N, C-alpha and C. Protein backbone atom coordinates (compact mmCIF):
# COMPACT_ATOMS: atom_id res chain seq x y z
N PHE A 1 48.57 147.69 104.46
CA PHE A 1 49.10 146.72 105.39
C PHE A 1 49.12 147.34 106.78
N ILE A 2 49.15 146.46 107.79
CA ILE A 2 49.22 146.94 109.17
C ILE A 2 50.14 146.03 109.98
N GLU A 3 50.94 146.62 110.83
CA GLU A 3 51.80 145.88 111.74
C GLU A 3 51.35 146.19 113.15
N VAL A 4 51.04 145.16 113.91
CA VAL A 4 50.59 145.32 115.30
C VAL A 4 51.65 144.72 116.21
N ARG A 5 52.10 145.52 117.17
CA ARG A 5 53.10 145.07 118.14
C ARG A 5 52.54 145.27 119.53
N SER A 6 52.81 144.32 120.42
CA SER A 6 52.31 144.45 121.79
C SER A 6 53.42 144.11 122.78
N LYS A 7 53.28 144.69 123.97
CA LYS A 7 54.22 144.45 125.06
C LYS A 7 53.46 144.56 126.37
N SER A 8 54.04 144.01 127.41
CA SER A 8 53.42 144.11 128.73
C SER A 8 54.11 145.17 129.60
N ALA A 9 55.24 145.69 129.13
CA ALA A 9 55.96 146.73 129.88
C ALA A 9 56.78 147.57 128.91
N THR A 10 57.19 148.74 129.36
CA THR A 10 57.98 149.62 128.50
C THR A 10 59.43 149.74 128.95
N ALA A 11 59.88 148.81 129.78
CA ALA A 11 61.25 148.87 130.30
C ALA A 11 62.28 148.94 129.18
N HIS A 12 62.02 148.27 128.08
CA HIS A 12 62.95 148.26 126.94
C HIS A 12 62.33 148.93 125.73
N GLY A 13 61.48 149.92 125.96
CA GLY A 13 60.85 150.65 124.87
C GLY A 13 59.38 150.32 124.71
N THR A 14 58.72 151.15 123.93
CA THR A 14 57.29 150.96 123.67
C THR A 14 57.09 149.92 122.59
N PRO A 15 55.87 149.42 122.43
CA PRO A 15 55.62 148.47 121.35
C PRO A 15 56.01 149.02 119.97
N LEU A 16 55.70 150.29 119.72
CA LEU A 16 56.03 150.86 118.41
C LEU A 16 57.53 151.00 118.20
N GLU A 17 58.29 151.16 119.28
CA GLU A 17 59.74 151.28 119.15
C GLU A 17 60.39 149.95 118.75
N THR A 18 59.65 148.87 118.80
CA THR A 18 60.21 147.58 118.37
C THR A 18 60.18 147.44 116.84
N ILE A 19 59.54 148.38 116.16
CA ILE A 19 59.54 148.35 114.69
C ILE A 19 60.74 149.16 114.22
N ASP A 20 61.89 148.52 114.26
CA ASP A 20 63.13 149.17 113.87
C ASP A 20 63.40 148.94 112.38
N TYR A 21 64.57 149.38 111.91
CA TYR A 21 64.93 149.24 110.49
C TYR A 21 64.87 147.79 110.03
N LYS A 22 65.43 146.89 110.82
CA LYS A 22 65.45 145.47 110.46
C LYS A 22 64.03 144.91 110.35
N LYS A 23 63.17 145.25 111.30
CA LYS A 23 61.79 144.78 111.29
C LYS A 23 61.04 145.35 110.09
N ARG A 24 61.27 146.62 109.78
CA ARG A 24 60.61 147.23 108.61
C ARG A 24 61.01 146.51 107.33
N ARG A 25 62.30 146.17 107.18
CA ARG A 25 62.74 145.45 105.97
C ARG A 25 62.05 144.09 105.89
N GLN A 26 61.90 143.42 107.03
CA GLN A 26 61.23 142.12 107.07
C GLN A 26 59.75 142.27 106.68
N ILE A 27 59.09 143.29 107.20
CA ILE A 27 57.69 143.54 106.87
C ILE A 27 57.55 143.84 105.38
N GLU A 28 58.44 144.67 104.85
CA GLU A 28 58.40 145.02 103.43
C GLU A 28 58.64 143.80 102.55
N ARG A 29 59.57 142.94 102.96
CA ARG A 29 59.85 141.72 102.19
C ARG A 29 58.60 140.84 102.12
N CYS A 30 57.92 140.69 103.23
CA CYS A 30 56.68 139.89 103.27
C CYS A 30 55.60 140.53 102.40
N ALA A 31 55.50 141.84 102.45
CA ALA A 31 54.50 142.55 101.64
C ALA A 31 54.78 142.36 100.16
N ARG A 32 56.06 142.44 99.77
CA ARG A 32 56.42 142.24 98.36
C ARG A 32 56.07 140.82 97.90
N GLN A 33 56.32 139.84 98.76
CA GLN A 33 55.97 138.46 98.42
C GLN A 33 54.47 138.30 98.26
N TYR A 34 53.70 138.92 99.14
CA TYR A 34 52.24 138.87 99.06
C TYR A 34 51.77 139.52 97.76
N LEU A 35 52.31 140.69 97.44
CA LEU A 35 51.91 141.39 96.23
C LEU A 35 52.27 140.59 94.98
N ALA A 36 53.43 139.95 94.99
CA ALA A 36 53.84 139.11 93.86
C ALA A 36 52.90 137.92 93.72
N HIS A 37 52.55 137.32 94.83
CA HIS A 37 51.63 136.17 94.82
C HIS A 37 50.26 136.57 94.26
N LYS A 38 49.81 137.78 94.60
CA LYS A 38 48.51 138.28 94.12
C LYS A 38 48.61 138.92 92.74
N LYS A 39 49.83 138.91 92.18
CA LYS A 39 50.10 139.48 90.85
C LYS A 39 49.75 140.97 90.77
N VAL A 40 50.11 141.68 91.82
CA VAL A 40 49.93 143.13 91.86
C VAL A 40 51.21 143.76 91.33
N GLY A 41 51.11 144.78 90.51
CA GLY A 41 52.27 145.42 89.92
C GLY A 41 53.26 145.95 90.94
N ALA A 42 54.53 145.93 90.58
CA ALA A 42 55.59 146.38 91.49
C ALA A 42 55.55 147.88 91.73
N ASP A 43 54.84 148.61 90.87
CA ASP A 43 54.79 150.07 91.00
C ASP A 43 53.66 150.56 91.91
N VAL A 44 52.94 149.64 92.51
CA VAL A 44 51.83 150.03 93.38
C VAL A 44 52.37 150.70 94.65
N CYS A 45 51.68 151.72 95.12
CA CYS A 45 52.08 152.42 96.34
C CYS A 45 51.41 151.73 97.53
N CYS A 46 52.20 151.29 98.48
CA CYS A 46 51.66 150.59 99.65
C CYS A 46 51.93 151.38 100.92
N ARG A 47 50.91 151.47 101.73
CA ARG A 47 51.00 152.17 103.00
C ARG A 47 51.01 151.15 104.12
N PHE A 48 51.83 151.41 105.14
CA PHE A 48 51.89 150.55 106.31
C PHE A 48 51.48 151.37 107.53
N ASP A 49 50.40 150.95 108.18
CA ASP A 49 50.02 151.54 109.45
C ASP A 49 50.70 150.72 110.55
N ALA A 50 50.88 151.33 111.70
CA ALA A 50 51.46 150.62 112.85
C ALA A 50 50.55 150.82 114.05
N VAL A 51 50.37 149.75 114.80
CA VAL A 51 49.57 149.80 116.02
C VAL A 51 50.40 149.23 117.15
N GLY A 52 50.49 149.98 118.23
CA GLY A 52 51.18 149.52 119.42
C GLY A 52 50.16 149.30 120.53
N VAL A 53 50.23 148.13 121.15
CA VAL A 53 49.30 147.81 122.24
C VAL A 53 50.13 147.49 123.48
N LEU A 54 49.84 148.20 124.55
CA LEU A 54 50.54 148.00 125.81
C LEU A 54 49.57 147.39 126.82
N PHE A 55 49.97 146.24 127.38
CA PHE A 55 49.18 145.53 128.39
C PHE A 55 49.92 145.59 129.73
N PRO A 56 49.89 146.72 130.43
CA PRO A 56 50.63 146.84 131.69
C PRO A 56 49.98 146.04 132.81
N ALA A 57 50.73 145.86 133.87
CA ALA A 57 50.25 145.08 135.02
C ALA A 57 49.01 145.68 135.66
N ASP A 58 48.85 147.01 135.56
CA ASP A 58 47.68 147.64 136.20
C ASP A 58 46.38 147.44 135.41
N GLY A 59 46.48 146.82 134.24
CA GLY A 59 45.28 146.50 133.47
C GLY A 59 44.77 147.61 132.56
N GLN A 60 45.41 148.77 132.56
CA GLN A 60 45.00 149.88 131.71
C GLN A 60 45.64 149.73 130.32
N VAL A 61 44.94 149.07 129.42
CA VAL A 61 45.45 148.83 128.08
C VAL A 61 45.56 150.16 127.32
N GLU A 62 46.68 150.33 126.64
CA GLU A 62 46.92 151.53 125.84
C GLU A 62 47.13 151.12 124.39
N ILE A 63 46.38 151.74 123.50
CA ILE A 63 46.48 151.44 122.07
C ILE A 63 46.86 152.72 121.33
N VAL A 64 47.92 152.63 120.52
CA VAL A 64 48.37 153.77 119.73
C VAL A 64 48.37 153.35 118.26
N HIS A 65 47.66 154.10 117.42
CA HIS A 65 47.59 153.82 115.98
C HIS A 65 48.33 154.92 115.24
N VAL A 66 49.27 154.51 114.39
CA VAL A 66 50.02 155.47 113.57
C VAL A 66 49.68 155.20 112.11
N PRO A 67 48.75 155.97 111.54
CA PRO A 67 48.44 155.79 110.12
C PRO A 67 49.64 156.20 109.26
N ASP A 68 49.85 155.46 108.19
CA ASP A 68 50.92 155.79 107.24
C ASP A 68 52.27 155.90 107.93
N ALA A 69 52.59 154.93 108.79
CA ALA A 69 53.85 154.93 109.54
C ALA A 69 55.06 154.88 108.60
N PHE A 70 54.93 154.13 107.51
CA PHE A 70 55.96 154.10 106.48
C PHE A 70 55.36 153.53 105.21
N ARG A 71 56.09 153.66 104.13
CA ARG A 71 55.64 153.17 102.83
C ARG A 71 56.67 152.21 102.25
N LEU A 72 56.21 151.40 101.35
CA LEU A 72 57.07 150.41 100.72
C LEU A 72 58.24 151.10 100.04
N GLY A 73 59.46 150.70 100.40
CA GLY A 73 60.65 151.23 99.78
C GLY A 73 61.20 152.52 100.36
N GLU A 74 60.62 153.02 101.43
CA GLU A 74 61.14 154.26 102.04
C GLU A 74 62.39 153.99 102.83
């Protein structure tokens, strides 16, 4: 799975900083529903990558990819 977050400024944190505990639980809940729908076993190990995209006013787009940012149930 992958979560992509974007922002136009960092005044209130970076795009990746918006993936807090509450957001992770929401992402995990959606992933569990998807896995249940696809009839994938509950014991499967799932990796979540995170991508932060910053679109600042100066036009210099910044992309940060964090492989294996968290796993299901961590």
